[in-house]
């Protein structure tokens, strides 16, 4: 059986609540319902259509795949190198992170 790694769990547990107690959750519910209606080509009122598009234009959707991740982050490979050397404390932090990463990867 695989082991679950809970080392990165937040110290404060998540709080679950119904949509009736959260305006944000209620808005998400309505937006998802409207998206489903539009996808199914079912009728919705002009007011709800305007509400949906006002929300849809503010966000961005993207698939979750290696191809999508590559498209999203490919530009980072072409960033210029810093003109000045990094501060010593930042170099130390980066070295520590890299060392931890290598240990984790070698243990896989």
N, C-alpha and C. Protein backbone atom coordinates (compact mmCIF):
# COMPACT_ATOMS: atom_id res chain seq x y z
N UNK A 1 0.84 -1.18 0.00
CA UNK A 1 0.00 0.00 0.00
C UNK A 1 0.89 1.25 0.00
N UNK A 2 0.49 2.25 -0.77
CA UNK A 2 1.27 3.49 -0.75
C UNK A 2 1.12 4.21 0.58
N UNK A 3 2.16 4.93 0.95
CA UNK A 3 2.12 5.71 2.18
C UNK A 3 1.73 7.14 1.85
N UNK A 4 0.97 7.76 2.71
CA UNK A 4 0.58 9.16 2.54
C UNK A 4 1.56 10.04 3.30
N UNK A 5 2.02 11.07 2.66
CA UNK A 5 2.95 12.01 3.28
C UNK A 5 2.15 13.23 3.73
N UNK A 6 2.00 13.39 5.03
CA UNK A 6 1.25 14.50 5.58
C UNK A 6 2.16 15.62 6.09
N UNK A 7 3.43 15.60 5.71
CA UNK A 7 4.37 16.58 6.23
C UNK A 7 4.08 18.00 5.74
N UNK A 8 3.36 18.12 4.64
CA UNK A 8 3.07 19.46 4.12
C UNK A 8 1.63 19.88 4.39
N UNK A 9 0.97 19.18 5.27
CA UNK A 9 -0.40 19.54 5.62
C UNK A 9 -0.37 20.84 6.44
N UNK A 10 -1.33 21.71 6.22
CA UNK A 10 -1.35 22.94 7.03
C UNK A 10 -1.61 22.62 8.48
N UNK A 11 -1.04 23.43 9.36
CA UNK A 11 -1.25 23.20 10.79
C UNK A 11 -2.68 23.50 11.19
N UNK A 12 -3.30 24.42 10.50
CA UNK A 12 -4.71 24.74 10.75
C UNK A 12 -5.54 23.87 9.83
N UNK A 13 -6.42 23.05 10.37
CA UNK A 13 -7.19 22.16 9.50
C UNK A 13 -8.16 22.96 8.61
N UNK A 14 -8.50 22.42 7.44
CA UNK A 14 -9.45 23.12 6.58
C UNK A 14 -10.82 23.20 7.24
N UNK A 15 -11.54 24.24 6.92
CA UNK A 15 -12.88 24.44 7.46
C UNK A 15 -13.87 24.17 6.35
N UNK A 16 -14.81 23.26 6.59
CA UNK A 16 -15.82 22.93 5.61
C UNK A 16 -17.13 23.57 6.02
N UNK A 17 -17.82 24.14 5.03
CA UNK A 17 -19.11 24.75 5.33
C UNK A 17 -19.99 24.63 4.10
N UNK A 18 -21.26 24.77 4.30
CA UNK A 18 -22.19 24.70 3.18
C UNK A 18 -22.16 26.02 2.41
N UNK A 19 -22.65 25.97 1.18
CA UNK A 19 -22.73 27.17 0.36
C UNK A 19 -23.62 28.23 0.97
N UNK A 20 -24.57 27.81 1.82
CA UNK A 20 -25.46 28.77 2.46
C UNK A 20 -24.72 29.70 3.42
N UNK A 21 -23.56 29.25 3.90
CA UNK A 21 -22.80 30.03 4.87
C UNK A 21 -21.67 30.84 4.23
N UNK A 22 -21.48 30.70 2.92
CA UNK A 22 -20.37 31.37 2.26
C UNK A 22 -20.82 31.94 0.92
N UNK A 23 -20.73 33.24 0.79
CA UNK A 23 -21.12 33.87 -0.48
C UNK A 23 -20.21 33.40 -1.61
N UNK A 24 -18.94 33.19 -1.32
CA UNK A 24 -18.00 32.72 -2.35
C UNK A 24 -18.37 31.34 -2.87
N UNK A 25 -18.70 30.42 -1.95
CA UNK A 25 -19.11 29.08 -2.38
C UNK A 25 -20.41 29.13 -3.16
N UNK A 26 -21.31 29.97 -2.73
CA UNK A 26 -22.58 30.10 -3.44
C UNK A 26 -22.35 30.60 -4.86
N UNK A 27 -21.46 31.57 -5.01
CA UNK A 27 -21.14 32.10 -6.33
C UNK A 27 -20.49 31.02 -7.21
N UNK A 28 -19.62 30.22 -6.63
CA UNK A 28 -19.00 29.13 -7.38
C UNK A 28 -20.06 28.13 -7.81
N UNK A 29 -20.98 27.78 -6.92
CA UNK A 29 -22.06 26.85 -7.27
C UNK A 29 -22.88 27.37 -8.43
N UNK A 30 -23.25 28.64 -8.38
CA UNK A 30 -24.06 29.23 -9.45
C UNK A 30 -23.27 29.26 -10.75
N UNK A 31 -22.00 29.64 -10.68
CA UNK A 31 -21.17 29.71 -11.88
C UNK A 31 -20.99 28.34 -12.52
N UNK A 32 -20.77 27.31 -11.70
CA UNK A 32 -20.64 25.95 -12.24
C UNK A 32 -21.95 25.46 -12.84
N UNK A 33 -23.05 25.78 -12.19
CA UNK A 33 -24.35 25.39 -12.72
C UNK A 33 -24.59 26.06 -14.07
N UNK A 34 -24.25 27.36 -14.16
CA UNK A 34 -24.41 28.08 -15.42
C UNK A 34 -23.49 27.50 -16.50
N UNK A 35 -22.26 27.17 -16.15
CA UNK A 35 -21.34 26.59 -17.12
C UNK A 35 -21.88 25.28 -17.66
N UNK A 36 -22.45 24.47 -16.77
CA UNK A 36 -23.03 23.20 -17.19
C UNK A 36 -24.21 23.43 -18.12
N UNK A 37 -25.07 24.38 -17.79
CA UNK A 37 -26.22 24.69 -18.65
C UNK A 37 -25.75 25.16 -20.03
N UNK A 38 -24.74 26.01 -20.05
CA UNK A 38 -24.22 26.48 -21.34
C UNK A 38 -23.60 25.34 -22.14
N UNK A 39 -22.85 24.49 -21.48
CA UNK A 39 -22.22 23.35 -22.14
C UNK A 39 -23.27 22.41 -22.73
N UNK A 40 -24.37 22.25 -22.02
CA UNK A 40 -25.45 21.37 -22.49
C UNK A 40 -26.38 22.07 -23.46
N UNK A 41 -26.08 23.35 -23.75
CA UNK A 41 -26.89 24.17 -24.65
C UNK A 41 -28.36 24.27 -24.18
N UNK A 42 -28.51 24.38 -22.87
CA UNK A 42 -29.83 24.57 -22.29
C UNK A 42 -30.08 26.06 -22.11
N UNK A 43 -31.33 26.48 -22.12
CA UNK A 43 -31.61 27.92 -22.03
C UNK A 43 -31.30 28.48 -20.64
N UNK A 44 -30.77 29.70 -20.63
CA UNK A 44 -30.61 30.47 -19.39
C UNK A 44 -31.02 31.91 -19.71
N UNK A 45 -31.39 32.61 -18.68
CA UNK A 45 -31.86 33.99 -18.89
C UNK A 45 -30.70 34.90 -19.29
N UNK A 46 -30.98 36.00 -19.97
CA UNK A 46 -29.92 36.95 -20.33
C UNK A 46 -29.16 37.48 -19.11
N UNK A 47 -29.86 37.66 -17.99
CA UNK A 47 -29.20 38.16 -16.77
C UNK A 47 -28.19 37.14 -16.24
N UNK A 48 -28.56 35.86 -16.26
CA UNK A 48 -27.64 34.83 -15.79
C UNK A 48 -26.48 34.64 -16.76
N UNK A 49 -26.77 34.77 -18.04
CA UNK A 49 -25.71 34.67 -19.05
C UNK A 49 -24.69 35.80 -18.82
N UNK A 50 -25.17 37.01 -18.56
CA UNK A 50 -24.28 38.15 -18.29
C UNK A 50 -23.48 37.91 -17.01
N UNK A 51 -24.13 37.35 -15.98
CA UNK A 51 -23.42 37.03 -14.73
C UNK A 51 -22.31 36.03 -15.00
N UNK A 52 -22.62 34.99 -15.75
CA UNK A 52 -21.61 33.96 -16.03
C UNK A 52 -20.41 34.56 -16.76
N UNK A 53 -20.67 35.33 -17.82
CA UNK A 53 -19.56 35.85 -18.60
C UNK A 53 -18.78 36.92 -17.85
N UNK A 54 -19.42 37.62 -16.94
CA UNK A 54 -18.66 38.58 -16.13
C UNK A 54 -17.67 37.84 -15.23
N UNK A 55 -18.03 36.65 -14.78
CA UNK A 55 -17.12 35.84 -13.97
C UNK A 55 -16.10 35.12 -14.83
N UNK A 56 -16.54 34.59 -15.97
CA UNK A 56 -15.65 33.79 -16.82
C UNK A 56 -14.51 34.62 -17.38
N UNK A 57 -14.74 35.89 -17.62
CA UNK A 57 -13.69 36.74 -18.18
C UNK A 57 -12.63 37.09 -17.15
N UNK A 58 -12.92 36.89 -15.88
CA UNK A 58 -11.97 37.26 -14.82
C UNK A 58 -11.00 36.13 -14.49
N UNK A 59 -11.32 34.94 -14.89
CA UNK A 59 -10.48 33.80 -14.55
C UNK A 59 -9.89 33.16 -15.78
N UNK A 60 -9.23 32.04 -15.54
CA UNK A 60 -8.61 31.32 -16.64
C UNK A 60 -8.73 29.84 -16.33
N UNK A 61 -9.05 29.07 -17.32
CA UNK A 61 -9.07 27.63 -17.15
C UNK A 61 -7.97 27.04 -18.00
N UNK A 62 -7.48 25.92 -17.58
CA UNK A 62 -6.43 25.25 -18.32
C UNK A 62 -6.49 23.78 -17.95
N UNK A 63 -6.12 22.94 -18.90
CA UNK A 63 -6.11 21.53 -18.61
C UNK A 63 -4.99 21.19 -17.64
N UNK A 64 -5.13 20.09 -16.97
CA UNK A 64 -4.08 19.63 -16.06
C UNK A 64 -3.39 18.48 -16.77
N UNK A 65 -2.27 18.76 -17.39
CA UNK A 65 -1.50 17.74 -18.09
C UNK A 65 -0.06 18.22 -18.19
N UNK A 66 0.83 17.32 -18.54
CA UNK A 66 2.22 17.71 -18.71
C UNK A 66 2.36 18.70 -19.86
N UNK A 67 1.58 18.52 -20.90
CA UNK A 67 1.63 19.44 -22.04
C UNK A 67 1.20 20.85 -21.61
N UNK A 68 0.14 20.94 -20.82
CA UNK A 68 -0.32 22.24 -20.35
C UNK A 68 0.70 22.89 -19.42
N UNK A 69 1.30 22.09 -18.54
CA UNK A 69 2.34 22.63 -17.65
C UNK A 69 3.52 23.14 -18.46
N UNK A 70 3.90 22.41 -19.49
CA UNK A 70 5.00 22.85 -20.34
C UNK A 70 4.68 24.17 -21.01
N UNK A 71 3.47 24.30 -21.55
CA UNK A 71 3.07 25.56 -22.19
C UNK A 71 3.07 26.71 -21.19
N UNK A 72 2.60 26.43 -19.97
CA UNK A 72 2.45 27.48 -18.97
C UNK A 72 3.80 27.98 -18.46
N UNK A 73 4.78 27.10 -18.35
CA UNK A 73 6.04 27.47 -17.70
C UNK A 73 7.24 27.47 -18.63
N UNK A 74 7.06 27.19 -19.91
CA UNK A 74 8.17 27.11 -20.86
C UNK A 74 8.99 28.41 -20.89
N UNK A 75 8.32 29.54 -20.74
CA UNK A 75 9.02 30.82 -20.83
C UNK A 75 10.10 30.98 -19.76
N UNK A 76 10.00 30.26 -18.65
CA UNK A 76 10.99 30.39 -17.58
C UNK A 76 12.37 29.92 -18.02
N UNK A 77 12.41 29.03 -19.00
CA UNK A 77 13.70 28.54 -19.48
C UNK A 77 14.46 29.62 -20.24
N UNK A 78 13.77 30.67 -20.65
CA UNK A 78 14.39 31.71 -21.45
C UNK A 78 14.61 33.02 -20.68
N UNK A 79 14.47 32.97 -19.37
CA UNK A 79 14.72 34.17 -18.57
C UNK A 79 16.21 34.48 -18.56
N UNK A 80 16.56 35.75 -18.57
CA UNK A 80 18.00 36.09 -18.54
C UNK A 80 18.60 35.78 -17.17
N UNK A 81 19.86 35.52 -17.16
CA UNK A 81 20.58 35.32 -15.91
C UNK A 81 20.67 36.66 -15.18
N UNK A 82 20.68 36.66 -13.86
CA UNK A 82 20.80 37.93 -13.12
C UNK A 82 22.13 38.61 -13.44
N UNK A 83 22.09 39.94 -13.50
CA UNK A 83 23.30 40.70 -13.81
C UNK A 83 24.26 40.73 -12.63
N UNK A 84 23.73 40.79 -11.41
CA UNK A 84 24.56 40.83 -10.21
C UNK A 84 24.52 39.47 -9.53
N UNK A 85 25.57 39.12 -8.79
CA UNK A 85 25.54 37.84 -8.07
C UNK A 85 24.43 37.84 -7.01
N UNK A 86 23.91 36.65 -6.74
CA UNK A 86 22.87 36.52 -5.72
C UNK A 86 23.47 36.76 -4.34
N UNK A 87 22.68 37.32 -3.42
CA UNK A 87 23.17 37.48 -2.04
C UNK A 87 23.53 36.12 -1.44
N UNK A 88 24.54 36.11 -0.57
CA UNK A 88 25.03 34.87 0.02
C UNK A 88 23.97 34.08 0.75
N UNK A 89 23.09 34.77 1.51
CA UNK A 89 22.06 34.02 2.25
C UNK A 89 21.07 33.36 1.30
N UNK A 90 20.79 34.00 0.16
CA UNK A 90 19.89 33.40 -0.83
C UNK A 90 20.54 32.19 -1.49
N UNK A 91 21.83 32.29 -1.77
CA UNK A 91 22.56 31.16 -2.34
C UNK A 91 22.50 29.97 -1.39
N UNK A 92 22.68 30.22 -0.10
CA UNK A 92 22.63 29.14 0.90
C UNK A 92 21.26 28.49 0.93
N UNK A 93 20.21 29.29 0.89
CA UNK A 93 18.84 28.75 0.89
C UNK A 93 18.62 27.88 -0.34
N UNK A 94 19.03 28.38 -1.50
CA UNK A 94 18.86 27.61 -2.73
C UNK A 94 19.65 26.31 -2.71
N UNK A 95 20.85 26.34 -2.16
CA UNK A 95 21.65 25.12 -2.04
C UNK A 95 20.97 24.11 -1.12
N UNK A 96 20.42 24.59 0.00
CA UNK A 96 19.71 23.70 0.94
C UNK A 96 18.49 23.07 0.28
N UNK A 97 17.74 23.87 -0.45
CA UNK A 97 16.56 23.35 -1.13
C UNK A 97 16.96 22.30 -2.17
N UNK A 98 18.01 22.58 -2.91
CA UNK A 98 18.48 21.64 -3.92
C UNK A 98 18.97 20.34 -3.28
N UNK A 99 19.64 20.45 -2.15
CA UNK A 99 20.11 19.24 -1.46
C UNK A 99 18.93 18.39 -0.99
N UNK A 100 17.91 19.04 -0.42
CA UNK A 100 16.71 18.31 0.01
C UNK A 100 16.02 17.65 -1.19
N UNK A 101 15.93 18.38 -2.30
CA UNK A 101 15.29 17.84 -3.49
C UNK A 101 16.03 16.60 -4.00
N UNK A 102 17.36 16.68 -4.03
CA UNK A 102 18.15 15.53 -4.51
C UNK A 102 17.96 14.31 -3.61
N UNK A 103 17.91 14.51 -2.29
CA UNK A 103 17.69 13.40 -1.36
C UNK A 103 16.33 12.74 -1.62
N UNK A 104 15.33 13.57 -1.81
CA UNK A 104 13.98 13.04 -2.05
C UNK A 104 13.94 12.26 -3.35
N UNK A 105 14.53 12.84 -4.40
CA UNK A 105 14.50 12.18 -5.71
C UNK A 105 15.31 10.88 -5.68
N UNK A 106 16.44 10.87 -5.00
CA UNK A 106 17.25 9.65 -4.95
C UNK A 106 16.56 8.55 -4.16
N UNK A 107 15.66 8.92 -3.26
CA UNK A 107 14.95 7.92 -2.46
C UNK A 107 13.78 7.29 -3.22
N UNK A 108 13.43 7.87 -4.34
CA UNK A 108 12.27 7.34 -5.10
C UNK A 108 12.61 6.04 -5.80
